[in-house]
Amino acid sequence: MSEFRYKQVIVFRSDLGLSKGKVAAQGGHAAVSAAEEARKHKKAWWEAWINEGQRKIAVKVKSEKELLELEKQAKELALPTALIIDRGLTEIPPDTITCLGIGPAPTEKVDKLTGELTLL
C-alpha cells in the first residue's frame, strides 16, 4: 500500500527528560489506550487502521500546557484520545502527564492538529 489513510500520533512532552525505556512504556500505554477508544467509538476508523498496518507517528511538544491544548482540540474534533498520567513508581512524580495518544483516525484529521509538530 503506497499511502496510509489512517494514523495514530503519540505526542510526548520533551520537558520531562525521560529515559528511552520510560518513553517506550508511556508510548505503549498511549497507543493501546487510544486505539481502544477508537475501537469502542470509531470502529470503522479502527478497523481500517488495523488492516492497513497500524501507522504510528511519535512527535513532541515542549510542555504540559501544549499537550493539554492538543487534547482539547482533538476532543473538539471528536478524535479518539488517551492522556497518559504516570503513577510515579520510577522516574517521575505521581500524576505526571507524560504523553497523549491521538487516533487512529483519518490522516487529514490528525494532521490538522499534529502535522506541524517535530518528530520525537
N, C-alpha and C. Protein backbone atom coordinates (compact mmCIF):
# COMPACT_ATOMS: atom_id res chain seq x y z
N MET A 1 0.85 -1.18 0.00
CA MET A 1 0.00 0.00 0.00
C MET A 1 0.89 1.23 0.00
N SER A 2 0.68 2.12 -0.92
CA SER A 2 1.56 3.27 -1.07
C SER A 2 1.21 4.42 -0.13
N GLU A 3 -0.04 4.51 0.28
CA GLU A 3 -0.44 5.63 1.12
C GLU A 3 -1.33 5.17 2.26
N PHE A 4 -1.03 5.63 3.45
CA PHE A 4 -1.87 5.32 4.60
C PHE A 4 -3.00 6.34 4.69
N ARG A 5 -4.21 5.87 4.88
CA ARG A 5 -5.35 6.76 5.02
C ARG A 5 -5.68 7.04 6.48
N TYR A 6 -5.13 6.23 7.38
CA TYR A 6 -5.37 6.38 8.82
C TYR A 6 -4.04 6.35 9.56
N LYS A 7 -4.01 7.04 10.69
CA LYS A 7 -2.80 7.03 11.51
C LYS A 7 -3.13 7.30 12.96
N GLN A 8 -2.15 6.99 13.76
CA GLN A 8 -2.20 7.31 15.18
C GLN A 8 -0.95 8.14 15.47
N VAL A 9 -1.10 9.17 16.27
CA VAL A 9 0.04 10.00 16.65
C VAL A 9 0.17 9.97 18.17
N ILE A 10 1.40 9.75 18.63
CA ILE A 10 1.70 9.80 20.05
C ILE A 10 2.52 11.06 20.28
N VAL A 11 2.02 11.93 21.15
CA VAL A 11 2.66 13.21 21.43
C VAL A 11 3.29 13.15 22.81
N PHE A 12 4.60 13.37 22.86
CA PHE A 12 5.36 13.30 24.11
C PHE A 12 5.77 14.68 24.58
N ARG A 13 5.87 14.85 25.87
CA ARG A 13 6.44 16.06 26.46
C ARG A 13 7.96 15.95 26.42
N SER A 14 8.62 16.93 25.84
CA SER A 14 10.09 16.90 25.77
C SER A 14 10.74 17.50 27.01
N ASP A 15 9.94 18.13 27.86
CA ASP A 15 10.50 18.79 29.05
C ASP A 15 10.75 17.85 30.22
N LEU A 16 10.36 16.59 30.11
CA LEU A 16 10.49 15.67 31.24
C LEU A 16 11.83 14.95 31.30
N GLY A 17 12.54 14.85 30.20
CA GLY A 17 13.83 14.16 30.20
C GLY A 17 13.73 12.68 30.55
N LEU A 18 12.71 12.02 30.03
CA LEU A 18 12.51 10.60 30.33
C LEU A 18 13.55 9.73 29.65
N SER A 19 13.88 8.59 30.29
CA SER A 19 14.78 7.62 29.66
C SER A 19 14.09 7.01 28.45
N LYS A 20 14.86 6.37 27.59
CA LYS A 20 14.28 5.72 26.40
C LYS A 20 13.28 4.65 26.79
N GLY A 21 13.58 3.91 27.82
CA GLY A 21 12.66 2.87 28.27
C GLY A 21 11.34 3.43 28.77
N LYS A 22 11.42 4.54 29.51
CA LYS A 22 10.20 5.16 30.03
C LYS A 22 9.38 5.73 28.88
N VAL A 23 10.04 6.34 27.90
CA VAL A 23 9.34 6.86 26.71
C VAL A 23 8.62 5.71 26.00
N ALA A 24 9.32 4.59 25.84
CA ALA A 24 8.71 3.44 25.16
C ALA A 24 7.49 2.94 25.93
N ALA A 25 7.60 2.83 27.24
CA ALA A 25 6.48 2.33 28.05
C ALA A 25 5.29 3.29 27.99
N GLN A 26 5.56 4.58 28.14
CA GLN A 26 4.47 5.56 28.12
C GLN A 26 3.82 5.61 26.73
N GLY A 27 4.63 5.52 25.69
CA GLY A 27 4.10 5.49 24.33
C GLY A 27 3.23 4.26 24.10
N GLY A 28 3.64 3.14 24.66
CA GLY A 28 2.82 1.93 24.56
C GLY A 28 1.48 2.10 25.23
N HIS A 29 1.48 2.72 26.41
CA HIS A 29 0.21 3.00 27.10
C HIS A 29 -0.69 3.87 26.21
N ALA A 30 -0.12 4.92 25.64
CA ALA A 30 -0.91 5.85 24.82
C ALA A 30 -1.44 5.17 23.56
N ALA A 31 -0.60 4.37 22.91
CA ALA A 31 -1.02 3.70 21.68
C ALA A 31 -2.17 2.73 21.94
N VAL A 32 -2.03 1.90 22.95
CA VAL A 32 -3.06 0.91 23.25
C VAL A 32 -4.35 1.59 23.72
N SER A 33 -4.21 2.55 24.61
CA SER A 33 -5.40 3.20 25.17
C SER A 33 -6.18 3.99 24.12
N ALA A 34 -5.48 4.73 23.27
CA ALA A 34 -6.17 5.50 22.22
C ALA A 34 -6.79 4.56 21.19
N ALA A 35 -6.10 3.48 20.86
CA ALA A 35 -6.66 2.51 19.92
C ALA A 35 -7.93 1.88 20.49
N GLU A 36 -7.92 1.62 21.77
CA GLU A 36 -9.12 1.04 22.41
C GLU A 36 -10.29 2.04 22.37
N GLU A 37 -10.00 3.32 22.55
CA GLU A 37 -11.04 4.35 22.42
C GLU A 37 -11.62 4.33 21.00
N ALA A 38 -10.74 4.24 20.02
CA ALA A 38 -11.21 4.19 18.62
C ALA A 38 -12.03 2.93 18.36
N ARG A 39 -11.58 1.79 18.88
CA ARG A 39 -12.31 0.54 18.68
C ARG A 39 -13.73 0.64 19.24
N LYS A 40 -13.86 1.31 20.39
CA LYS A 40 -15.17 1.43 21.03
C LYS A 40 -16.07 2.46 20.33
N HIS A 41 -15.48 3.58 19.89
CA HIS A 41 -16.30 4.72 19.47
C HIS A 41 -16.19 5.08 17.99
N LYS A 42 -15.16 4.61 17.31
CA LYS A 42 -14.95 4.89 15.88
C LYS A 42 -14.49 3.60 15.20
N LYS A 43 -15.34 2.59 15.28
CA LYS A 43 -14.93 1.24 14.86
C LYS A 43 -14.45 1.17 13.41
N ALA A 44 -15.09 1.90 12.51
CA ALA A 44 -14.66 1.86 11.10
C ALA A 44 -13.24 2.41 10.95
N TRP A 45 -12.92 3.47 11.68
CA TRP A 45 -11.55 4.03 11.64
C TRP A 45 -10.57 3.01 12.17
N TRP A 46 -10.91 2.40 13.32
CA TRP A 46 -10.03 1.42 13.95
C TRP A 46 -9.78 0.23 13.02
N GLU A 47 -10.83 -0.30 12.40
CA GLU A 47 -10.67 -1.46 11.51
C GLU A 47 -9.81 -1.12 10.30
N ALA A 48 -10.04 0.04 9.71
CA ALA A 48 -9.23 0.45 8.55
C ALA A 48 -7.76 0.60 8.94
N TRP A 49 -7.51 1.21 10.08
CA TRP A 49 -6.15 1.39 10.58
C TRP A 49 -5.47 0.05 10.84
N ILE A 50 -6.17 -0.87 11.47
CA ILE A 50 -5.64 -2.22 11.72
C ILE A 50 -5.27 -2.88 10.40
N ASN A 51 -6.17 -2.82 9.43
CA ASN A 51 -5.97 -3.52 8.16
C ASN A 51 -4.87 -2.93 7.29
N GLU A 52 -4.59 -1.63 7.45
CA GLU A 52 -3.55 -1.04 6.60
C GLU A 52 -2.18 -0.98 7.28
N GLY A 53 -2.05 -1.51 8.49
CA GLY A 53 -0.72 -1.64 9.07
C GLY A 53 -0.46 -0.85 10.35
N GLN A 54 -1.46 -0.20 10.91
CA GLN A 54 -1.34 0.47 12.20
C GLN A 54 -0.25 1.54 12.23
N ARG A 55 -0.27 2.43 11.29
CA ARG A 55 0.72 3.51 11.22
C ARG A 55 0.69 4.34 12.50
N LYS A 56 1.90 4.57 13.07
CA LYS A 56 2.06 5.39 14.27
C LYS A 56 3.19 6.37 14.04
N ILE A 57 2.99 7.59 14.51
CA ILE A 57 3.99 8.63 14.41
C ILE A 57 4.23 9.17 15.82
N ALA A 58 5.49 9.38 16.20
CA ALA A 58 5.84 9.95 17.50
C ALA A 58 6.36 11.37 17.31
N VAL A 59 5.74 12.30 18.01
CA VAL A 59 6.11 13.72 17.93
C VAL A 59 6.27 14.27 19.35
N LYS A 60 6.70 15.53 19.43
CA LYS A 60 6.91 16.10 20.75
C LYS A 60 6.40 17.54 20.84
N VAL A 61 6.08 17.91 22.08
CA VAL A 61 5.76 19.29 22.43
C VAL A 61 6.67 19.66 23.60
N LYS A 62 6.70 20.95 23.91
CA LYS A 62 7.63 21.43 24.93
C LYS A 62 7.09 21.44 26.35
N SER A 63 5.76 21.29 26.51
CA SER A 63 5.22 21.46 27.85
C SER A 63 3.90 20.71 28.05
N GLU A 64 3.53 20.60 29.31
CA GLU A 64 2.23 20.03 29.66
C GLU A 64 1.11 20.89 29.10
N LYS A 65 1.27 22.19 29.15
CA LYS A 65 0.25 23.11 28.64
C LYS A 65 -0.03 22.85 27.16
N GLU A 66 1.01 22.68 26.36
CA GLU A 66 0.83 22.38 24.93
C GLU A 66 0.10 21.05 24.74
N LEU A 67 0.49 20.06 25.53
CA LEU A 67 -0.12 18.74 25.42
C LEU A 67 -1.61 18.80 25.75
N LEU A 68 -1.96 19.50 26.81
CA LEU A 68 -3.36 19.61 27.19
C LEU A 68 -4.18 20.40 26.17
N GLU A 69 -3.57 21.38 25.53
CA GLU A 69 -4.26 22.12 24.48
C GLU A 69 -4.54 21.21 23.28
N LEU A 70 -3.58 20.36 22.93
CA LEU A 70 -3.79 19.39 21.84
C LEU A 70 -4.93 18.42 22.19
N GLU A 71 -4.94 17.96 23.42
CA GLU A 71 -6.01 17.05 23.83
C GLU A 71 -7.37 17.73 23.67
N LYS A 72 -7.48 18.97 24.11
CA LYS A 72 -8.72 19.72 23.99
C LYS A 72 -9.15 19.83 22.53
N GLN A 73 -8.22 20.20 21.67
CA GLN A 73 -8.54 20.35 20.25
C GLN A 73 -8.93 19.02 19.62
N ALA A 74 -8.25 17.94 20.00
CA ALA A 74 -8.57 16.62 19.46
C ALA A 74 -9.99 16.21 19.86
N LYS A 75 -10.34 16.48 21.09
CA LYS A 75 -11.69 16.15 21.56
C LYS A 75 -12.74 16.98 20.83
N GLU A 76 -12.43 18.24 20.57
CA GLU A 76 -13.36 19.09 19.82
C GLU A 76 -13.60 18.55 18.41
N LEU A 77 -12.59 17.88 17.84
CA LEU A 77 -12.71 17.27 16.52
C LEU A 77 -13.25 15.84 16.59
N ALA A 78 -13.63 15.39 17.78
CA ALA A 78 -14.17 14.04 18.01
C ALA A 78 -13.18 12.95 17.63
N LEU A 79 -11.89 13.20 17.87
CA LEU A 79 -10.85 12.19 17.62
C LEU A 79 -10.66 11.35 18.88
N PRO A 80 -10.38 10.06 18.71
CA PRO A 80 -10.07 9.24 19.88
C PRO A 80 -8.78 9.75 20.53
N THR A 81 -8.79 9.84 21.86
CA THR A 81 -7.61 10.30 22.58
C THR A 81 -7.38 9.47 23.83
N ALA A 82 -6.13 9.52 24.30
CA ALA A 82 -5.78 8.91 25.59
C ALA A 82 -4.66 9.74 26.19
N LEU A 83 -4.95 10.41 27.29
CA LEU A 83 -3.96 11.17 28.03
C LEU A 83 -3.34 10.24 29.07
N ILE A 84 -2.03 10.14 29.06
CA ILE A 84 -1.35 9.20 29.95
C ILE A 84 -0.78 9.95 31.16
N ILE A 85 -1.18 9.48 32.33
CA ILE A 85 -0.76 10.07 33.60
C ILE A 85 -0.01 9.00 34.38
N ASP A 86 1.26 9.26 34.67
CA ASP A 86 2.12 8.25 35.30
C ASP A 86 1.81 8.08 36.78
N ARG A 87 2.01 6.87 37.26
CA ARG A 87 1.77 6.56 38.67
C ARG A 87 2.94 6.99 39.56
N GLY A 88 4.08 7.32 38.97
CA GLY A 88 5.20 7.80 39.76
C GLY A 88 6.00 6.74 40.48
N LEU A 89 6.04 5.55 39.92
CA LEU A 89 6.77 4.46 40.58
C LEU A 89 8.25 4.40 40.22
N THR A 90 8.67 5.11 39.19
CA THR A 90 10.07 5.01 38.77
C THR A 90 10.76 6.37 38.66
N GLU A 91 10.61 7.06 37.55
CA GLU A 91 11.43 8.23 37.24
C GLU A 91 10.84 9.58 37.56
N ILE A 92 9.55 9.67 37.64
CA ILE A 92 8.90 10.98 37.77
C ILE A 92 7.87 10.95 38.90
N PRO A 93 7.46 12.12 39.38
CA PRO A 93 6.48 12.16 40.46
C PRO A 93 5.12 11.60 40.04
N PRO A 94 4.35 11.10 41.02
CA PRO A 94 3.00 10.62 40.71
C PRO A 94 2.17 11.70 40.04
N ASP A 95 1.29 11.27 39.17
CA ASP A 95 0.32 12.13 38.48
C ASP A 95 0.95 13.06 37.44
N THR A 96 2.16 12.73 36.99
CA THR A 96 2.78 13.50 35.91
C THR A 96 2.16 13.09 34.58
N ILE A 97 1.69 14.06 33.82
CA ILE A 97 1.16 13.79 32.48
C ILE A 97 2.36 13.65 31.54
N THR A 98 2.45 12.50 30.86
CA THR A 98 3.64 12.22 30.04
C THR A 98 3.41 12.33 28.55
N CYS A 99 2.25 11.85 28.07
CA CYS A 99 2.03 11.84 26.63
C CYS A 99 0.54 11.73 26.32
N LEU A 100 0.25 11.87 25.04
CA LEU A 100 -1.12 11.84 24.54
C LEU A 100 -1.18 11.00 23.28
N GLY A 101 -2.08 10.05 23.25
CA GLY A 101 -2.36 9.31 22.02
C GLY A 101 -3.54 9.95 21.31
N ILE A 102 -3.40 10.15 20.01
CA ILE A 102 -4.49 10.68 19.18
C ILE A 102 -4.71 9.71 18.03
N GLY A 103 -5.94 9.25 17.88
CA GLY A 103 -6.24 8.30 16.82
C GLY A 103 -6.08 6.88 17.29
N PRO A 104 -6.30 5.96 16.39
CA PRO A 104 -6.34 6.09 14.94
C PRO A 104 -7.56 6.86 14.44
N ALA A 105 -7.25 7.62 13.38
CA ALA A 105 -8.26 8.45 12.73
C ALA A 105 -7.78 8.76 11.32
N PRO A 106 -8.65 9.30 10.48
CA PRO A 106 -8.21 9.68 9.14
C PRO A 106 -7.01 10.63 9.20
N THR A 107 -6.04 10.37 8.36
CA THR A 107 -4.79 11.12 8.36
C THR A 107 -5.01 12.63 8.29
N GLU A 108 -5.91 13.07 7.42
CA GLU A 108 -6.10 14.52 7.27
C GLU A 108 -6.65 15.16 8.54
N LYS A 109 -7.45 14.44 9.30
CA LYS A 109 -7.98 14.98 10.56
C LYS A 109 -6.88 15.09 11.61
N VAL A 110 -6.05 14.07 11.71
CA VAL A 110 -4.97 14.09 12.69
C VAL A 110 -3.92 15.14 12.32
N ASP A 111 -3.63 15.25 11.03
CA ASP A 111 -2.62 16.21 10.58
C ASP A 111 -3.02 17.66 10.85
N LYS A 112 -4.32 17.95 10.94
CA LYS A 112 -4.75 19.30 11.28
C LYS A 112 -4.19 19.74 12.63
N LEU A 113 -4.05 18.78 13.55
CA LEU A 113 -3.53 19.08 14.88
C LEU A 113 -2.04 18.86 15.01
N THR A 114 -1.52 17.82 14.39
CA THR A 114 -0.15 17.39 14.69
C THR A 114 0.82 17.53 13.52
N GLY A 115 0.33 17.94 12.37
CA GLY A 115 1.16 17.96 11.17
C GLY A 115 2.39 18.84 11.24
N GLU A 116 2.37 19.87 12.09
CA GLU A 116 3.49 20.80 12.20
C GLU A 116 4.41 20.46 13.38
N LEU A 117 4.09 19.46 14.16
CA LEU A 117 4.92 19.12 15.32
C LEU A 117 6.20 18.41 14.89
N THR A 118 7.24 18.57 15.69
CA THR A 118 8.54 17.97 15.42
C THR A 118 8.53 16.49 15.79
N LEU A 119 9.14 15.66 14.94
CA LEU A 119 9.26 14.24 15.27
C LEU A 119 10.08 14.05 16.53
N LEU A 120 9.75 13.01 17.29
CA LEU A 120 10.44 12.73 18.53
C LEU A 120 11.89 12.37 18.30
